[in-house]
Amino acid sequence: MTSVTLGPELGEQHKQRPGRAIVIAFVIIPFVAVIATVPLAWHSWVSWHDIAIAAVMYAITGHGLTVGLHRYFTHGAFKARRPLRLALGIAGSLVVEGPIAHWVATHRCHHAFSDKEGDPHSPWRYGVTVGAVCKGLLHAHVGWMFGAGKVSGERYAPDILADRYIMRISRLFPVWAALSLALPAVAGGFWSMSWAAALSAFFWGGLVRVCVLHHLTWSINSVSHVMGARPFRTRDRATNIWPLAVLAMGEFHNTHHAHPTLARAGVDRGQLDSSARLIQLFESLGWAYDVHWPRQDRLDARRRMSTQALPSGTYARDEYDASSPSAPLQEGYRRDN
């Protein structure tokens, strides 16, 4: 599989450099910070305040990613009133995985070419041998962000580019990235009224939380295309890995690739999906509407006869025409009232 230049990005290349540099910095720095947590934690340099702040920030930013960037902006799993739409845009930006427009375009491109040439982060990029898959896993997990390929916003995210409110949030990505680290520090400092507490909360609720959430969600790109259960027929190698999906707020990847516009990915018994619960709450409050909840007949139509581990060398086909990459994505291009 070769790299593909997919057209002009969301503006000119020079406009992408600041955002891209920020994402790369937020990949490297928190990872180094997490490595440092072992000796720090060993000496008990963590308080319940730090844990509470990190948990709250993890929940807000994680659901901003799954409910906001993923299920709402990318796939149109529901419609949202403007205040909720703006809140989801900000919460999703705080996860620090790139501006909204770029995130949506990249993910829609992934669905269009999933595990085929043109997929920005397929672990099968280099082949099927052990060495090739190991190299592909590294690429799918984090390496793809360092590549030169650009995804066309005009092709994959025209609805986002046309939304002036969301584009304002998207252009302020450096601000949200800074706030993602500053908010825990401010909360910790005021909670304990000390600079030491602010620094500790910055470390645990900022750097460590960003790193853990990043690598959990990136594992969906990598590991969840190589191993795990495949209860539904798809045209790629997406799998469900229960522990990973639960920690990633209900991102059961095989289910999602079989039914990309559903508001719930945890459709079977025992599949905890906190993102779906949150969408259900928004719907009950009237903030979200036209929610795409699963229908049993459609689930059954795509289900395999039995849950299978990933077969080697074969792809299951679905109703989408692989020769028309945008076909699975059109339902995601929605405008809210």
C-alpha atoms as a PDB file:
ATOM      1  CA  MET A   1       0.000   0.000   0.000  1.00  0.00           C
ATOM      2  CA  THR A   2       1.466   3.354  -0.993  1.00  0.00           C
ATOM      3  CA  SER A   3       0.936   6.807   0.394  1.00  0.00           C
ATOM      4  CA  VAL A   4      -1.616   8.923  -1.391  1.00  0.00           C
ATOM      5  CA  THR A   5      -1.908  12.665  -1.789  1.00  0.00           C
ATOM      6  CA  LEU A   6      -5.612  13.253  -1.484  1.00  0.00           C
ATOM      7  CA  GLY A   7      -5.932  16.811  -2.662  1.00  0.00           C
ATOM      8  CA  PRO A   8      -5.836  20.286  -1.098  1.00  0.00           C
ATOM      9  CA  GLU A   9      -6.350  20.395   2.634  1.00  0.00           C
ATOM     10  CA  LEU A  10      -8.479  22.861   4.543  1.00  0.00           C
ATOM     11  CA  GLY A  11      -6.754  25.821   2.957  1.00  0.00           C
ATOM     12  CA  GLU A  12      -3.112  26.002   1.981  1.00  0.00           C
ATOM     13  CA  GLN A  13      -0.375  23.780   3.398  1.00  0.00           C
ATOM     14  CA  HIS A  14       1.283  26.632   5.315  1.00  0.00           C
ATOM     15  CA  LYS A  15      -1.947  27.133   7.255  1.00  0.00           C
ATOM     16  CA  GLN A  16      -1.777  23.549   8.505  1.00  0.00           C
ATOM     17  CA  ARG A  17       1.716  23.715   9.979  1.00  0.00           C
ATOM     18  CA  PRO A  18       0.830  25.304  13.370  1.00  0.00           C
ATOM     19  CA  GLY A  19      -1.997  22.851  14.061  1.00  0.00           C
ATOM     20  CA  ARG A  20       0.056  19.874  12.935  1.00  0.00           C
ATOM     21  CA  ALA A  21       3.028  20.948  15.030  1.00  0.00           C
ATOM     22  CA  ILE A  22       0.790  21.259  18.081  1.00  0.00           C
ATOM     23  CA  VAL A  23      -0.605  17.756  17.595  1.00  0.00           C
ATOM     24  CA  ILE A  24       2.884  16.288  17.188  1.00  0.00           C
ATOM     25  CA  ALA A  25       4.045  18.104  20.330  1.00  0.00           C
ATOM     26  CA  PHE A  26       1.041  16.752  22.207  1.00  0.00           C
ATOM     27  CA  VAL A  27       1.940  13.237  21.053  1.00  0.00           C
ATOM     28  CA  ILE A  28       5.564  13.366  22.200  1.00  0.00           C
ATOM     29  CA  ILE A  29       5.476  15.471  25.381  1.00  0.00           C
ATOM     30  CA  PRO A  30       2.642  13.648  27.201  1.00  0.00           C
ATOM     31  CA  PHE A  31       4.169  10.293  26.249  1.00  0.00           C
ATOM     32  CA  VAL A  32       7.442  11.303  27.896  1.00  0.00           C
ATOM     33  CA  ALA A  33       5.429  12.527  30.872  1.00  0.00           C
ATOM     34  CA  VAL A  34       3.696   9.184  31.279  1.00  0.00           C
ATOM     35  CA  ILE A  35       7.062   7.406  31.308  1.00  0.00           C
ATOM     36  CA  ALA A  36       8.026   9.727  34.149  1.00  0.00           C
ATOM     37  CA  THR A  37       4.900   8.829  36.137  1.00  0.00           C
ATOM     38  CA  VAL A  38       6.311   5.504  37.341  1.00  0.00           C
ATOM     39  CA  PRO A  39       8.907   6.947  39.757  1.00  0.00           C
ATOM     40  CA  LEU A  40       6.596   9.823  40.653  1.00  0.00           C
ATOM     41  CA  ALA A  41       3.669   7.561  41.476  1.00  0.00           C
ATOM     42  CA  TRP A  42       6.051   5.248  43.387  1.00  0.00           C
ATOM     43  CA  HIS A  43       6.779   8.152  45.716  1.00  0.00           C
ATOM     44  CA  SER A  44       3.049   8.950  46.081  1.00  0.00           C
ATOM     45  CA  TRP A  45       3.178  12.226  44.190  1.00  0.00           C
ATOM     46  CA  VAL A  46      -0.514  12.092  43.336  1.00  0.00           C
ATOM     47  CA  SER A  47      -3.564  13.169  45.330  1.00  0.00           C
ATOM     48  CA  TRP A  48      -7.257  12.444  45.173  1.00  0.00           C
ATOM     49  CA  HIS A  49      -7.662  15.974  43.821  1.00  0.00           C
ATOM     50  CA  ASP A  50      -5.434  15.040  40.897  1.00  0.00           C
ATOM     51  CA  ILE A  51      -7.388  11.841  40.249  1.00  0.00           C
ATOM     52  CA  ALA A  52     -10.726  13.663  40.375  1.00  0.00           C
ATOM     53  CA  ILE A  53      -9.575  16.436  38.036  1.00  0.00           C
ATOM     54  CA  ALA A  54      -8.029  13.938  35.608  1.00  0.00           C
ATOM     55  CA  ALA A  55     -11.213  11.831  35.615  1.00  0.00           C
ATOM     56  CA  VAL A  56     -13.445  14.837  34.904  1.00  0.00           C
ATOM     57  CA  MET A  57     -11.182  16.076  32.115  1.00  0.00           C
ATOM     58  CA  TYR A  58     -10.951  12.549  30.707  1.00  0.00           C
ATOM     59  CA  ALA A  59     -14.748  12.259  30.613  1.00  0.00           C
ATOM     60  CA  ILE A  60     -15.278  15.701  29.059  1.00  0.00           C
ATOM     61  CA  THR A  61     -12.593  15.454  26.400  1.00  0.00           C
ATOM     62  CA  GLY A  62     -13.115  11.748  25.700  1.00  0.00           C
ATOM     63  CA  HIS A  63     -16.826  12.194  25.094  1.00  0.00           C
ATOM     64  CA  GLY A  64     -16.071  15.363  23.165  1.00  0.00           C
ATOM     65  CA  LEU A  65     -14.124  13.083  20.836  1.00  0.00           C
ATOM     66  CA  THR A  66     -16.548  10.162  20.606  1.00  0.00           C
ATOM     67  CA  VAL A  67     -19.891  11.963  20.802  1.00  0.00           C
ATOM     68  CA  GLY A  68     -18.752  15.214  19.197  1.00  0.00           C
ATOM     69  CA  LEU A  69     -16.019  14.726  16.612  1.00  0.00           C
ATOM     70  CA  HIS A  70     -16.850  11.110  15.791  1.00  0.00           C
ATOM     71  CA  ARG A  71     -20.551  10.294  15.997  1.00  0.00           C
ATOM     72  CA  TYR A  72     -21.926  13.805  15.481  1.00  0.00           C
ATOM     73  CA  PHE A  73     -19.632  15.838  13.237  1.00  0.00           C
ATOM     74  CA  THR A  74     -18.221  12.954  11.190  1.00  0.00           C
ATOM     75  CA  HIS A  75     -21.130  10.541  10.867  1.00  0.00           C
ATOM     76  CA  GLY A  76     -24.257  12.596  11.625  1.00  0.00           C
ATOM     77  CA  ALA A  77     -25.600  10.042  14.120  1.00  0.00           C
ATOM     78  CA  PHE A  78     -27.921  12.739  15.481  1.00  0.00           C
ATOM     79  CA  LYS A  79     -28.761  16.389  15.048  1.00  0.00           C
ATOM     80  CA  ALA A  80     -28.013  18.973  17.711  1.00  0.00           C
ATOM     81  CA  ARG A  81     -29.286  22.376  18.741  1.00  0.00           C
ATOM     82  CA  ARG A  82     -26.711  25.099  18.211  1.00  0.00           C
ATOM     83  CA  PRO A  83     -25.547  25.418  21.862  1.00  0.00           C
ATOM     84  CA  LEU A  84     -24.897  21.674  22.023  1.00  0.00           C
ATOM     85  CA  ARG A  85     -23.190  21.721  18.624  1.00  0.00           C
ATOM     86  CA  LEU A  86     -20.807  24.440  19.768  1.00  0.00           C
ATOM     87  CA  ALA A  87     -20.170  22.721  23.106  1.00  0.00           C
ATOM     88  CA  LEU A  88     -19.360  19.446  21.343  1.00  0.00           C
ATOM     89  CA  GLY A  89     -16.991  21.276  19.023  1.00  0.00           C
ATOM     90  CA  ILE A  90     -15.096  22.807  21.937  1.00  0.00           C
ATOM     91  CA  ALA A  91     -15.051  19.579  23.987  1.00  0.00           C
ATOM     92  CA  GLY A  92     -13.781  17.662  20.960  1.00  0.00           C
ATOM     93  CA  SER A  93     -11.063  20.220  20.357  1.00  0.00           C
ATOM     94  CA  LEU A  94      -9.849  19.878  23.960  1.00  0.00           C
ATOM     95  CA  VAL A  95      -8.782  16.281  23.223  1.00  0.00           C
ATOM     96  CA  VAL A  96      -5.997  17.813  21.095  1.00  0.00           C
ATOM     97  CA  GLU A  97      -6.159  15.548  18.054  1.00  0.00           C
ATOM     98  CA  GLY A  98      -6.300  18.354  15.530  1.00  0.00           C
ATOM     99  CA  PRO A  99      -8.780  20.993  14.331  1.00  0.00           C
ATOM    100  CA  ILE A 100     -12.369  19.809  13.852  1.00  0.00           C
ATOM    101  CA  ALA A 101     -12.328  20.156  10.072  1.00  0.00           C
ATOM    102  CA  HIS A 102      -9.130  18.159   9.706  1.00  0.00           C
ATOM    103  CA  TRP A 103     -10.264  15.439  12.138  1.00  0.00           C
ATOM    104  CA  VAL A 104     -13.581  14.953  10.333  1.00  0.00           C
ATOM    105  CA  ALA A 105     -12.028  14.909   6.858  1.00  0.00           C
ATOM    106  CA  THR A 106      -9.370  12.392   7.898  1.00  0.00           C
ATOM    107  CA  HIS A 107     -11.851  10.067   9.546  1.00  0.00           C
ATOM    108  CA  ARG A 108     -14.275  10.124   6.618  1.00  0.00           C
ATOM    109  CA  CYS A 109     -11.348   9.360   4.330  1.00  0.00           C
ATOM    110  CA  HIS A 110     -10.488   6.409   6.581  1.00  0.00           C
ATOM    111  CA  HIS A 111     -14.007   5.016   6.168  1.00  0.00           C
ATOM    112  CA  ALA A 112     -13.943   5.558   2.419  1.00  0.00           C
ATOM    113  CA  PHE A 113     -10.734   3.539   1.940  1.00  0.00           C
ATOM    114  CA  SER A 114     -10.664   1.451   5.126  1.00  0.00           C
ATOM    115  CA  ASP A 115      -7.757  -1.025   5.009  1.00  0.00           C
ATOM    116  CA  LYS A 116      -7.176  -0.283   1.334  1.00  0.00           C
ATOM    117  CA  GLU A 117      -4.909   2.052  -0.581  1.00  0.00           C
ATOM    118  CA  GLY A 118      -5.771   5.596   0.459  1.00  0.00           C
ATOM    119  CA  ASP A 119      -6.598   4.771   4.090  1.00  0.00           C
ATOM    120  CA  PRO A 120      -4.592   7.307   6.137  1.00  0.00           C
ATOM    121  CA  HIS A 121      -3.910   4.844   8.966  1.00  0.00           C
ATOM    122  CA  SER A 122      -4.340   1.195   8.022  1.00  0.00           C
ATOM    123  CA  PRO A 123      -2.079  -1.297   9.861  1.00  0.00           C
ATOM    124  CA  TRP A 124      -2.109  -3.419   6.670  1.00  0.00           C
ATOM    125  CA  ARG A 125      -0.340  -0.691   4.706  1.00  0.00           C
ATOM    126  CA  TYR A 126       2.913  -2.645   4.243  1.00  0.00           C
ATOM    127  CA  GLY A 127       1.637  -6.208   3.845  1.00  0.00           C
ATOM    128  CA  VAL A 128       0.620  -9.250   5.871  1.00  0.00           C
ATOM    129  CA  THR A 129       3.921 -10.689   7.093  1.00  0.00           C
ATOM    130  CA  VAL A 130       4.760 -10.370  10.787  1.00  0.00           C
ATOM    131  CA  GLY A 131       7.321  -7.662  10.123  1.00  0.00           C
ATOM    132  CA  ALA A 132       4.998  -5.764   7.783  1.00  0.00           C
ATOM    133  CA  VAL A 133       2.116  -5.862  10.266  1.00  0.00           C
ATOM    134  CA  CYS A 134       4.360  -4.663  13.097  1.00  0.00           C
ATOM    135  CA  LYS A 135       5.495  -1.780  10.925  1.00  0.00           C
ATOM    136  CA  GLY A 136       1.890  -1.152   9.915  1.00  0.00           C
ATOM    137  CA  LEU A 137       0.722  -1.119  13.534  1.00  0.00           C
ATOM    138  CA  LEU A 138       3.257   1.579  14.361  1.00  0.00           C
ATOM    139  CA  HIS A 139       2.137   3.548  11.327  1.00  0.00           C
ATOM    140  CA  ALA A 140      -1.570   3.160  12.151  1.00  0.00           C
ATOM    141  CA  HIS A 141      -1.072   4.051  15.790  1.00  0.00           C
ATOM    142  CA  VAL A 142       0.972   7.216  15.484  1.00  0.00           C
ATOM    143  CA  GLY A 143       3.270   7.219  12.449  1.00  0.00           C
ATOM    144  CA  TRP A 144       0.610   8.369   9.994  1.00  0.00           C
ATOM    145  CA  MET A 145       0.455  11.778  11.705  1.00  0.00           C
ATOM    146  CA  PHE A 146       4.055  12.443  10.723  1.00  0.00           C
ATOM    147  CA  GLY A 147       3.412  11.725   7.031  1.00  0.00           C
ATOM    148  CA  ALA A 148       3.078  14.302   4.313  1.00  0.00           C
ATOM    149  CA  GLY A 149      -0.280  13.174   2.922  1.00  0.00           C
ATOM    150  CA  LYS A 150      -3.116  15.689   3.062  1.00  0.00           C
ATOM    151  CA  VAL A 151      -6.809  14.920   3.092  1.00  0.00           C
ATOM    152  CA  SER A 152      -9.106  17.114   1.025  1.00  0.00           C
ATOM    153  CA  GLY A 153     -11.477  19.053   3.244  1.00  0.00           C
ATOM    154  CA  GLU A 154     -13.437  20.132   0.180  1.00  0.00           C
ATOM    155  CA  ARG A 155     -14.120  16.493  -0.678  1.00  0.00           C
ATOM    156  CA  TYR A 156     -14.554  14.925   2.759  1.00  0.00           C
ATOM    157  CA  ALA A 157     -15.816  17.727   5.011  1.00  0.00           C
ATOM    158  CA  PRO A 158     -17.726  20.263   2.894  1.00  0.00           C
ATOM    159  CA  ASP A 159     -20.452  20.570   5.540  1.00  0.00           C
ATOM    160  CA  ILE A 160     -17.886  21.482   8.207  1.00  0.00           C
ATOM    161  CA  LEU A 161     -16.163  24.012   5.966  1.00  0.00           C
ATOM    162  CA  ALA A 162     -19.553  25.633   5.256  1.00  0.00           C
ATOM    163  CA  ASP A 163     -20.420  26.000   8.961  1.00  0.00           C
ATOM    164  CA  ARG A 164     -18.971  29.354   9.996  1.00  0.00           C
ATOM    165  CA  TYR A 165     -19.558  28.755  13.711  1.00  0.00           C
ATOM    166  CA  ILE A 166     -17.754  25.414  13.760  1.00  0.00           C
ATOM    167  CA  MET A 167     -14.947  26.744  11.572  1.00  0.00           C
ATOM    168  CA  ARG A 168     -14.345  29.521  14.102  1.00  0.00           C
ATOM    169  CA  ILE A 169     -13.868  26.850  16.758  1.00  0.00           C
ATOM    170  CA  SER A 170     -11.713  24.804  14.386  1.00  0.00           C
ATOM    171  CA  ARG A 171      -9.404  27.755  13.663  1.00  0.00           C
ATOM    172  CA  LEU A 172      -8.960  28.364  17.402  1.00  0.00           C
ATOM    173  CA  PHE A 173      -7.426  24.915  17.871  1.00  0.00           C
ATOM    174  CA  PRO A 174      -4.180  26.264  19.431  1.00  0.00           C
ATOM    175  CA  VAL A 175      -6.279  28.017  22.085  1.00  0.00           C
ATOM    176  CA  TRP A 176      -8.200  24.826  22.948  1.00  0.00           C
ATOM    177  CA  ALA A 177      -4.940  22.864  23.082  1.00  0.00           C
ATOM    178  CA  ALA A 178      -3.518  25.326  25.620  1.00  0.00           C
ATOM    179  CA  LEU A 179      -6.718  25.313  27.665  1.00  0.00           C
ATOM    180  CA  SER A 180      -6.712  21.517  27.741  1.00  0.00           C
ATOM    181  CA  LEU A 181      -3.573  21.716  29.871  1.00  0.00           C
ATOM    182  CA  ALA A 182      -4.305  24.985  31.663  1.00  0.00           C
ATOM    183  CA  LEU A 183      -7.755  24.060  33.003  1.00  0.00           C
ATOM    184  CA  PRO A 184      -6.542  21.160  35.187  1.00  0.00           C
ATOM    185  CA  ALA A 185      -3.749  23.329  36.575  1.00  0.00           C
ATOM    186  CA  VAL A 186      -6.152  26.157  37.427  1.00  0.00           C
ATOM    187  CA  ALA A 187      -8.630  23.738  39.013  1.00  0.00           C
ATOM    188  CA  GLY A 188      -5.920  22.061  41.083  1.00  0.00           C
ATOM    189  CA  GLY A 189      -4.408  25.346  42.174  1.00  0.00           C
ATOM    190  CA  PHE A 190      -7.680  26.852  43.352  1.00  0.00           C
ATOM    191  CA  TRP A 191      -8.839  23.590  44.943  1.00  0.00           C
ATOM    192  CA  SER A 192      -5.796  23.379  47.221  1.00  0.00           C
ATOM    193  CA  MET A 193      -4.683  27.003  46.969  1.00  0.00           C
ATOM    194  CA  SER A 194      -1.089  26.103  46.212  1.00  0.00           C
ATOM    195  CA  TRP A 195       1.291  26.227  43.269  1.00  0.00           C
ATOM    196  CA  ALA A 196       2.421  22.677  43.987  1.00  0.00           C
ATOM    197  CA  ALA A 197      -1.161  21.427  43.610  1.00  0.00           C
ATOM    198  CA  ALA A 198      -1.496  23.359  40.348  1.00  0.00           C
ATOM    199  CA  LEU A 199       1.660  21.726  39.001  1.00  0.00           C
ATOM    200  CA  SER A 200       0.507  18.286  40.124  1.00  0.00           C
ATOM    201  CA  ALA A 201      -2.916  18.721  38.488  1.00  0.00           C
ATOM    202  CA  PHE A 202      -1.237  20.010  35.316  1.00  0.00           C
ATOM    203  CA  PHE A 203       0.839  16.838  35.215  1.00  0.00           C
ATOM    204  CA  TRP A 204      -1.879  14.253  35.996  1.00  0.00           C
ATOM    205  CA  GLY A 205      -5.002  16.003  34.707  1.00  0.00           C
ATOM    206  CA  GLY A 206      -3.198  17.527  31.731  1.00  0.00           C
ATOM    207  CA  LEU A 207      -0.183  15.671  30.348  1.00  0.00           C
ATOM    208  CA  VAL A 208      -0.942  12.166  31.593  1.00  0.00           C
ATOM    209  CA  ARG A 209      -4.650  12.394  30.763  1.00  0.00           C
ATOM    210  CA  VAL A 210      -3.903  13.601  27.220  1.00  0.00           C
ATOM    211  CA  CYS A 211      -1.419  10.792  26.668  1.00  0.00           C
ATOM    212  CA  VAL A 212      -3.674   8.031  27.996  1.00  0.00           C
ATOM    213  CA  LEU A 213      -6.671   9.212  25.998  1.00  0.00           C
ATOM    214  CA  HIS A 214      -4.625   9.669  22.837  1.00  0.00           C
ATOM    215  CA  HIS A 215      -3.120   6.221  22.919  1.00  0.00           C
ATOM    216  CA  LEU A 216      -6.423   4.567  23.786  1.00  0.00           C
ATOM    217  CA  THR A 217      -8.192   6.153  20.850  1.00  0.00           C
ATOM    218  CA  TRP A 218      -5.251   5.557  18.510  1.00  0.00           C
ATOM    219  CA  SER A 219      -5.337   1.903  19.499  1.00  0.00           C
ATOM    220  CA  ILE A 220      -8.730   1.806  17.806  1.00  0.00           C
ATOM    221  CA  ASN A 221      -6.936   2.775  14.573  1.00  0.00           C
ATOM    222  CA  SER A 222      -4.231   0.173  15.003  1.00  0.00           C
ATOM    223  CA  VAL A 223      -4.984  -2.820  17.229  1.00  0.00           C
ATOM    224  CA  SER A 224      -8.715  -2.828  16.418  1.00  0.00           C
ATOM    225  CA  HIS A 225      -7.892  -3.526  12.777  1.00  0.00           C
ATOM    226  CA  VAL A 226      -5.637  -6.508  13.534  1.00  0.00           C
ATOM    227  CA  MET A 227      -7.111  -8.572  16.377  1.00  0.00           C
ATOM    228  CA  GLY A 228     -10.458  -8.992  18.095  1.00  0.00           C
ATOM    229  CA  ALA A 229     -14.028 -10.136  17.400  1.00  0.00           C
ATOM    230  CA  ARG A 230     -15.927  -9.459  14.169  1.00  0.00           C
ATOM    231  CA  PRO A 231     -19.620 -10.022  14.893  1.00  0.00           C
ATOM    232  CA  PHE A 232     -20.682  -7.966  11.844  1.00  0.00           C
ATOM    233  CA  ARG A 233     -19.809  -8.150   8.152  1.00  0.00           C
ATOM    234  CA  THR A 234     -17.693  -5.246   6.929  1.00  0.00           C
ATOM    235  CA  ARG A 235     -15.511  -4.601   3.904  1.00  0.00           C
ATOM    236  CA  ASP A 236     -12.424  -4.115   6.070  1.00  0.00           C
ATOM    237  CA  ARG A 237     -10.721  -5.713   9.070  1.00  0.00           C
ATOM    238  CA  ALA A 238     -12.232  -3.627  11.879  1.00  0.00           C
ATOM    239  CA  THR A 239     -12.733  -5.561  15.114  1.00  0.00           C
ATOM    240  CA  ASN A 240     -14.305  -5.207  18.557  1.00  0.00           C
ATOM    241  CA  ILE A 241     -11.993  -5.371  21.568  1.00  0.00           C
ATOM    242  CA  TRP A 242     -14.174  -5.119  24.684  1.00  0.00           C
ATOM    243  CA  PRO A 243     -11.741  -3.592  27.246  1.00  0.00           C
ATOM    244  CA  LEU A 244     -10.378  -1.098  24.736  1.00  0.00           C
ATOM    245  CA  ALA A 245     -13.859  -0.108  23.539  1.00  0.00           C
ATOM    246  CA  VAL A 246     -15.172   0.488  27.056  1.00  0.00           C
ATOM    247  CA  LEU A 247     -12.184   2.647  28.028  1.00  0.00           C
ATOM    248  CA  ALA A 248     -12.686   4.565  24.759  1.00  0.00           C
ATOM    249  CA  MET A 249     -16.280   5.471  25.711  1.00  0.00           C
ATOM    250  CA  GLY A 250     -17.978   2.674  23.781  1.00  0.00           C
ATOM    251  CA  GLU A 251     -16.050   2.616  20.511  1.00  0.00           C
ATOM    252  CA  PHE A 252     -16.791  -0.954  19.375  1.00  0.00           C
ATOM    253  CA  HIS A 253     -15.008  -0.634  16.071  1.00  0.00           C
ATOM    254  CA  ASN A 254     -16.372  -3.567  14.059  1.00  0.00           C
ATOM    255  CA  THR A 255     -19.913  -2.608  14.984  1.00  0.00           C
ATOM    256  CA  HIS A 256     -19.207   0.987  14.064  1.00  0.00           C
ATOM    257  CA  HIS A 257     -17.749   0.124  10.648  1.00  0.00           C
ATOM    258  CA  ALA A 258     -20.752  -2.079   9.907  1.00  0.00           C
ATOM    259  CA  HIS A 259     -23.183   0.671  10.996  1.00  0.00           C
ATOM    260  CA  PRO A 260     -21.236   3.962  10.828  1.00  0.00           C
ATOM    261  CA  THR A 261     -24.143   6.373  11.330  1.00  0.00           C
ATOM    262  CA  LEU A 262     -25.573   4.770  14.473  1.00  0.00           C
ATOM    263  CA  ALA A 263     -25.533   6.701  17.749  1.00  0.00           C
ATOM    264  CA  ARG A 264     -24.723   3.477  19.638  1.00  0.00           C
ATOM    265  CA  ALA A 265     -21.790   1.183  18.898  1.00  0.00           C
ATOM    266  CA  GLY A 266     -22.263  -1.047  21.937  1.00  0.00           C
ATOM    267  CA  VAL A 267     -25.308  -2.887  20.621  1.00  0.00           C
ATOM    268  CA  ASP A 268     -24.870  -6.286  22.271  1.00  0.00           C
ATOM    269  CA  ARG A 269     -25.248  -7.414  25.868  1.00  0.00           C
ATOM    270  CA  GLY A 270     -22.376  -6.349  28.089  1.00  0.00           C
ATOM    271  CA  GLN A 271     -21.060  -3.765  25.621  1.00  0.00           C
ATOM    272  CA  LEU A 272     -20.892  -0.621  27.753  1.00  0.00           C
ATOM    273  CA  ASP A 273     -21.261   2.498  25.634  1.00  0.00           C
ATOM    274  CA  SER A 274     -21.120   5.673  27.708  1.00  0.00           C
ATOM    275  CA  SER A 275     -21.203   7.812  24.552  1.00  0.00           C
ATOM    276  CA  ALA A 276     -24.614   6.399  23.622  1.00  0.00           C
ATOM    277  CA  ARG A 277     -25.865   7.047  27.165  1.00  0.00           C
ATOM    278  CA  LEU A 278     -24.791  10.667  26.886  1.00  0.00           C
ATOM    279  CA  ILE A 279     -26.513  11.070  23.519  1.00  0.00           C
ATOM    280  CA  GLN A 280     -29.642   9.535  25.060  1.00  0.00           C
ATOM    281  CA  LEU A 281     -29.472  12.147  27.843  1.00  0.00           C
ATOM    282  CA  PHE A 282     -29.106  14.950  25.291  1.00  0.00           C
ATOM    283  CA  GLU A 283     -32.129  13.583  23.432  1.00  0.00           C
ATOM    284  CA  SER A 284     -34.244  13.453  26.595  1.00  0.00           C
ATOM    285  CA  LEU A 285     -33.366  17.095  27.305  1.00  0.00           C
ATOM    286  CA  GLY A 286     -34.339  18.121  23.782  1.00  0.00           C
ATOM    287  CA  TRP A 287     -30.787  19.152  22.908  1.00  0.00           C
ATOM    288  CA  ALA A 288     -30.367  16.333  20.369  1.00  0.00           C
ATOM    289  CA  TYR A 289     -32.952  15.003  17.920  1.00  0.00           C
ATOM    290  CA  ASP A 290     -33.311  12.706  14.904  1.00  0.00           C
ATOM    291  CA  VAL A 291     -31.031  10.248  16.695  1.00  0.00           C
ATOM    292  CA  HIS A 292     -30.101   7.126  14.720  1.00  0.00           C
ATOM    293  CA  TRP A 293     -30.669   4.343  17.225  1.00  0.00           C
ATOM    294  CA  PRO A 294     -30.033   0.709  16.240  1.00  0.00           C
ATOM    295  CA  ARG A 295     -32.814  -1.329  14.660  1.00  0.00           C
ATOM    296  CA  GLN A 296     -32.704  -5.034  15.363  1.00  0.00           C
ATOM    297  CA  ASP A 297     -33.612  -6.045  11.813  1.00  0.00           C
ATOM    298  CA  ARG A 298     -30.723  -4.021  10.370  1.00  0.00           C
ATOM    299  CA  LEU A 299     -28.303  -5.355  12.956  1.00  0.00           C
ATOM    300  CA  ASP A 300     -29.345  -8.928  12.167  1.00  0.00           C
ATOM    301  CA  ALA A 301     -28.981  -8.323   8.430  1.00  0.00           C
ATOM    302  CA  ARG A 302     -25.280  -7.489   8.860  1.00  0.00           C
ATOM    303  CA  ARG A 303     -24.483  -9.995  11.591  1.00  0.00           C
ATOM    304  CA  ARG A 304     -22.297 -13.009  10.950  1.00  0.00           C
ATOM    305  CA  MET A 305     -23.688 -16.447  11.706  1.00  0.00           C
ATOM    306  CA  SER A 306     -21.325 -16.540  14.707  1.00  0.00           C
ATOM    307  CA  THR A 307     -18.828 -14.176  16.281  1.00  0.00           C
ATOM    308  CA  GLN A 308     -15.486 -14.813  14.602  1.00  0.00           C
ATOM    309  CA  ALA A 309     -11.957 -13.771  15.160  1.00  0.00           C
ATOM    310  CA  LEU A 310     -10.266 -12.013  12.278  1.00  0.00           C
ATOM    311  CA  PRO A 311      -9.768 -14.425   9.353  1.00  0.00           C
ATOM    312  CA  SER A 312      -6.498 -14.249   7.501  1.00  0.00           C
ATOM    313  CA  GLY A 313      -6.398 -12.886   3.991  1.00  0.00           C
ATOM    314  CA  THR A 314     -10.115 -12.343   3.417  1.00  0.00           C
ATOM    315  CA  TYR A 315     -12.412  -9.352   3.551  1.00  0.00           C
ATOM    316  CA  ALA A 316     -16.140  -9.510   4.138  1.00  0.00           C
ATOM    317  CA  ARG A 317     -18.194  -7.489   1.687  1.00  0.00           C
ATOM    318  CA  ASP A 318     -20.963  -5.114   2.621  1.00  0.00           C
ATOM    319  CA  GLU A 319     -23.594  -3.210   0.698  1.00  0.00           C
ATOM    320  CA  TYR A 320     -21.271  -0.320  -0.093  1.00  0.00           C
ATOM    321  CA  ASP A 321     -19.597  -0.182  -3.467  1.00  0.00           C
ATOM    322  CA  ALA A 322     -15.856  -0.042  -2.884  1.00  0.00           C
ATOM    323  CA  SER A 323     -15.418   1.660  -6.240  1.00  0.00           C
ATOM    324  CA  SER A 324     -17.364   4.646  -4.874  1.00  0.00           C
ATOM    325  CA  PRO A 325     -15.420   5.644  -1.746  1.00  0.00           C
ATOM    326  CA  SER A 326     -17.837   8.372  -0.721  1.00  0.00           C
ATOM    327  CA  ALA A 327     -20.872   6.072  -0.657  1.00  0.00           C
ATOM    328  CA  PRO A 328     -20.694   5.165   3.054  1.00  0.00           C
ATOM    329  CA  LEU A 329     -20.182   8.790   3.983  1.00  0.00           C
ATOM    330  CA  GLN A 330     -23.072  10.624   2.443  1.00  0.00           C
ATOM    331  CA  GLU A 331     -25.369   9.972   5.391  1.00  0.00           C
ATOM    332  CA  GLY A 332     -22.867  11.808   7.560  1.00  0.00           C
ATOM    333  CA  TYR A 333     -23.202  15.043   5.606  1.00  0.00           C
ATOM    334  CA  ARG A 334     -26.114  16.592   7.476  1.00  0.00           C
ATOM    335  CA  ARG A 335     -27.184  20.056   8.409  1.00  0.00           C
ATOM    336  CA  ASP A 336     -28.989  20.786  11.649  1.00  0.00           C
ATOM    337  CA  ASN A 337     -31.995  23.034  11.851  1.00  0.00           C
END
